[in-house]
Structures are given as structure tokens and as C-alpha cells.
Protein backbone atom coordinates (compact mmCIF):
# COMPACT_ATOMS: atom_id res chain seq x y z
CA UNK A 1 -63.31 26.25 43.60
CA UNK A 2 -66.33 26.39 45.91
CA UNK A 3 -68.57 27.12 42.99
CA UNK A 4 -67.33 23.95 41.31
CA UNK A 5 -68.00 21.98 44.45
CA UNK A 6 -71.49 23.43 44.54
CA UNK A 7 -72.13 22.55 40.92
CA UNK A 8 -70.79 19.06 41.48
CA UNK A 9 -73.11 18.59 44.46
CA UNK A 10 -76.04 19.88 42.40
CA UNK A 11 -75.26 17.49 39.56
CA UNK A 12 -75.08 14.59 42.02
CA UNK A 13 -78.47 15.54 43.45
CA UNK A 14 -79.95 15.72 39.98
CA UNK A 15 -78.49 12.35 39.15
CA UNK A 16 -79.84 10.82 42.35
CA UNK A 17 -83.28 12.37 41.74
CA UNK A 18 -83.22 11.03 38.23
CA UNK A 19 -82.26 7.60 39.50
CA UNK A 20 -84.93 7.55 42.25
CA UNK A 21 -87.57 8.87 39.89
CA UNK A 22 -86.55 6.29 37.41
CA UNK A 23 -86.83 3.51 39.96
CA UNK A 24 -90.35 4.70 41.05
CA UNK A 25 -91.39 5.12 37.54
CA UNK A 26 -89.66 1.83 36.66
CA UNK A 27 -91.92 -0.06 39.05
CA UNK A 28 -94.95 1.67 37.54
CA UNK A 29 -93.76 0.81 34.05
CA UNK A 30 -93.27 -2.83 34.92
CA UNK A 31 -96.94 -2.97 35.89
CA UNK A 32 -98.13 -1.23 32.79
CA UNK A 33 -97.33 -4.19 30.64
CA UNK A 34 -94.30 -2.81 29.03
CA UNK A 35 -95.97 0.26 27.68
CA UNK A 36 -93.66 2.94 26.26
CA UNK A 37 -93.56 5.95 28.46
CA UNK A 38 -92.19 9.05 26.73
CA UNK A 39 -91.94 11.00 29.95
CA UNK A 40 -89.46 8.46 31.33
CA UNK A 41 -87.33 8.78 28.20
CA UNK A 42 -87.43 12.60 28.43
CA UNK A 43 -86.51 12.47 32.14
CA UNK A 44 -83.50 10.23 31.43
CA UNK A 45 -82.47 12.40 28.49
CA UNK A 46 -82.67 15.50 30.73
CA UNK A 47 -80.51 13.75 33.37
CA UNK A 48 -77.98 12.75 30.73
CA UNK A 49 -77.83 16.31 29.35
CA UNK A 50 -77.32 17.72 32.88
CA UNK A 51 -74.60 15.12 33.59
CA UNK A 52 -72.85 15.88 30.31
CA UNK A 53 -73.14 19.64 30.98
CA UNK A 54 -71.61 19.27 34.44
CA UNK A 55 -68.83 17.08 33.08
CA UNK A 56 -68.14 19.55 30.29
CA UNK A 57 -68.11 22.41 32.77
CA UNK A 58 -65.68 20.72 35.14
CA UNK A 59 -63.59 18.86 32.62
CA UNK A 60 -63.40 21.60 29.96
CA UNK A 61 -60.54 23.58 31.52
CA UNK A 62 -58.33 20.61 32.42
CA UNK A 63 -59.09 19.08 29.03
CA UNK A 64 -58.22 22.34 27.25
CA UNK A 65 -55.07 22.66 29.34
CA UNK A 66 -54.13 19.07 28.62
CA UNK A 67 -54.80 19.49 24.89
CA UNK A 68 -52.93 22.82 24.82
CA UNK A 69 -49.97 21.26 26.68
CA UNK A 70 -50.05 18.29 24.35
CA UNK A 71 -50.20 20.62 21.33
CA UNK A 72 -47.33 22.71 22.72
CA UNK A 73 -45.35 19.54 23.39
CA UNK A 74 -45.94 18.33 19.84
CA UNK A 75 -44.91 21.74 18.48
CA UNK A 76 -41.74 21.65 20.56
CA UNK A 77 -41.02 18.14 19.37
CA UNK A 78 -41.60 19.21 15.76
CA UNK A 79 -39.37 22.26 16.24
CA UNK A 80 -36.70 20.11 17.87
CA UNK A 81 -37.00 17.59 15.04
CA UNK A 82 -36.76 20.41 12.47
CA UNK A 83 -33.66 21.81 14.19
CA UNK A 84 -32.15 18.32 14.41
CA UNK A 85 -32.89 17.75 10.73
CA UNK A 86 -31.29 21.07 9.76
CA UNK A 87 -28.27 20.25 11.92
CA UNK A 88 -28.03 16.80 10.36
CA UNK A 89 -28.33 18.31 6.87
CA UNK A 90 -25.55 20.81 7.65
CA UNK A 91 -23.38 18.04 9.08
CA UNK A 92 -24.12 15.89 6.02
CA UNK A 93 -23.17 18.77 3.70
CA UNK A 94 -19.97 19.35 5.67
CA UNK A 95 -19.10 15.65 5.52
CA UNK A 96 -19.81 15.52 1.79
CA UNK A 97 -17.64 18.60 1.24
CA UNK A 98 -14.89 17.00 3.30
CA UNK A 99 -15.20 13.75 1.33
CA UNK A 100 -14.93 15.75 -1.91
CA UNK A 101 -11.85 17.53 -0.54
CA UNK A 102 -10.37 14.21 0.55
CA UNK A 103 -11.02 12.74 -2.90
CA UNK A 104 -9.34 15.78 -4.51
CA UNK A 105 -6.44 15.55 -2.05
CA UNK A 106 -6.15 11.83 -2.76
CA UNK A 107 -5.99 12.49 -6.50
CA UNK A 108 -3.43 15.23 -5.88
CA UNK A 109 -1.35 12.90 -3.71
CA UNK A 110 -1.51 10.18 -6.36
CA UNK A 111 -0.38 12.68 -9.03
CA UNK A 112 2.44 13.94 -6.79
CA UNK A 113 3.52 10.39 -6.01
CA UNK A 114 3.55 9.56 -9.74
CA UNK A 115 5.58 12.72 -10.45
CA UNK A 116 8.01 11.91 -7.64
CA UNK A 117 8.32 8.34 -8.89
CA UNK A 118 9.01 9.64 -12.41
CA UNK A 119 11.60 12.11 -11.09
CA UNK A 120 13.23 9.37 -9.00
CA UNK A 121 13.24 7.07 -12.03
CA UNK A 122 14.90 9.80 -14.11
CA UNK A 123 17.48 10.43 -11.35
CA UNK A 124 18.14 6.68 -11.06
CA UNK A 125 18.62 6.44 -14.84
CA UNK A 126 20.96 9.43 -14.74
CA UNK A 127 22.94 7.88 -11.88
CA UNK A 128 23.10 4.59 -13.78
CA UNK A 129 24.27 6.37 -16.93
CA UNK A 130 26.90 8.28 -14.95
CA UNK A 131 28.06 5.07 -13.26
CA UNK A 132 28.20 3.29 -16.63
CA UNK A 133 30.17 6.22 -18.08
CA UNK A 134 32.60 6.11 -15.14
CA UNK A 135 33.03 2.36 -15.58
CA UNK A 136 33.55 2.84 -19.32
CA UNK A 137 36.10 5.62 -18.78
CA UNK A 138 37.88 3.59 -16.09
CA UNK A 139 37.92 0.57 -18.40
CA UNK A 140 39.26 2.78 -21.22
CA UNK A 141 41.94 4.24 -18.96
CA UNK A 142 42.83 0.79 -17.74
CA UNK A 143 42.93 -0.54 -21.30
CA UNK A 144 44.98 2.48 -22.47
CA UNK A 145 47.35 1.98 -19.54
CA UNK A 146 47.69 -1.71 -20.34
CA UNK A 147 48.20 -0.86 -23.98
CA UNK A 148 50.88 1.74 -23.12
CA UNK A 149 52.57 -0.74 -20.77
CA UNK A 150 52.40 -3.43 -23.48
CA UNK A 151 53.86 -0.99 -26.06
CA UNK A 152 56.61 0.03 -23.66
CA UNK A 153 57.36 -3.61 -22.99
CA UNK A 154 57.34 -4.37 -26.72
CA UNK A 155 59.64 -1.40 -27.40
CA UNK A 156 61.98 -2.51 -24.65
CA UNK A 157 61.98 -6.05 -25.98
CA UNK A 158 62.38 -4.75 -29.56
CA UNK A 159 65.24 -2.50 -28.42
CA UNK A 160 66.93 -5.39 -26.63
CA UNK A 161 66.41 -7.57 -29.64
CA UNK A 162 67.72 -4.83 -31.93
CA UNK A 163 70.74 -4.34 -29.67
CA UNK A 164 71.46 -7.98 -29.57
CA UNK A 165 71.01 -8.27 -33.37
CA UNK A 166 73.13 -5.21 -33.90
CA UNK A 167 75.76 -6.64 -31.55
CA UNK A 168 75.70 -9.87 -33.54
CA UNK A 169 75.91 -8.00 -36.80
CA UNK A 170 78.74 -5.82 -35.54
CA UNK A 171 80.64 -8.80 -34.27
CA UNK A 172 80.21 -10.65 -37.48
CA UNK A 173 80.70 -7.72 -39.86
CA UNK A 174 83.05 -5.45 -37.94
CA UNK A 175 86.66 -5.33 -39.07
CA UNK A 176 89.57 -4.08 -36.98
CA UNK A 177 89.77 -0.91 -39.11
CA UNK A 178 86.07 -0.24 -38.48
CA UNK A 179 86.68 -0.73 -34.82
CA UNK A 180 89.50 1.85 -34.70
CA UNK A 181 87.53 4.34 -36.69
CA UNK A 182 84.49 4.04 -34.37
CA UNK A 183 86.61 4.42 -31.24
CA UNK A 184 88.19 7.52 -32.73
CA UNK A 185 84.82 9.03 -33.57
CA UNK A 186 83.58 8.27 -30.04
CA UNK A 187 86.62 9.93 -28.47
CA UNK A 188 86.28 12.90 -30.69
CA UNK A 189 82.61 13.35 -29.76
CA UNK A 190 83.23 12.88 -26.06
CA UNK A 191 86.12 15.31 -26.07
CA UNK A 192 84.19 18.06 -27.87
CA UNK A 193 82.51 20.69 -25.71
CA UNK A 194 78.74 20.90 -26.16
């Protein structure tokens, strides 16, 4: 660090010498009716080169360090961006795969729902058919029962009518001899062992 301080002091002295020489020479030049003086230009050029050299010497390391740090920072940012991009791409691929699976699952669920609906429709039709068959059989049994009851009633009425007609016919056509003969046959049948 002391060497840098020494070089900085030297460069300041050179700059001051250049400035004082320039001011002395500047007064001389003003009197020389604006004549071009090449030595003044060379002296200023030398001072500028020394100043630039000193600046380069002192600023080179911090500038290199700053540029290296900046370069490393940019590399890290690029690496981080690359990693983030890869992560985002993997996440995107995973999401797309999941969306595809969801679409497939959705189609599967729709198919299953349609199959279940079809099965339920078939079961409902079968239940309706069975209920209709039960109603038809019940109606048939009820109709058969009514028909049997009506037949029995008709037979009973026909039998009563036949008995009453037969009674009328017997009363009108039966003679006392027929009456004795029938009573005898009845007694004979009742008295016979079976």
C-alpha cells in the first residue's frame, strides 16, 4: 500500500509540474502571437500519458475485481435462471402429464357414469316389467276369482231355479201313486246299509 501512496504522490507532482510548466509556457505563448509550440503539446501529452498510467496502475486491480465480480454475478444469475427454467419446464411437464391423466380420468368417469346409467335404466325397466307382470297376474287372479264367484252364484241361482221349477213340475205333474212310489224308494235307500 505504501508503494501505491508513493506512486500517487509522484503522479500528483508530475501533474503539478506539468500544470506549472504549462502556465509559464502559457504566458510565453500568449506573447508569441499565438504561435504553435510543439514542445507544449508534447509536454501535455506526456503528462496525460503519466496520469493515465497512474490511473491504470491504481485502478486496474479494483476494476478487474469489480469486472470479475460482475462477471461471476452474471454467471450465477444465468445459472440460477437456467436452473429456474429447468425447474419450470419439469413442473410444466408434470402439470401437462397430470392434465392428461385428469382428461383420461374424466373420460373414464363419463364412460362409467354412462354404463351405470344404462345398467340403472335396465334395472328400472326390469323392475317396471316385474311390477307390470305382478299387476297383470293380480288382475288375472282377481278376474278369475270374480269369474269363479260369478259362476258359483250363477250355479246356485240356476240350482235354486231348477229346484223351484222341478218343485212346480212335480206339484203339477205328480200323482198320488207317484208320490207313494217315491217315498217307498226313498225309504228303501235310506234303510239299506252302504
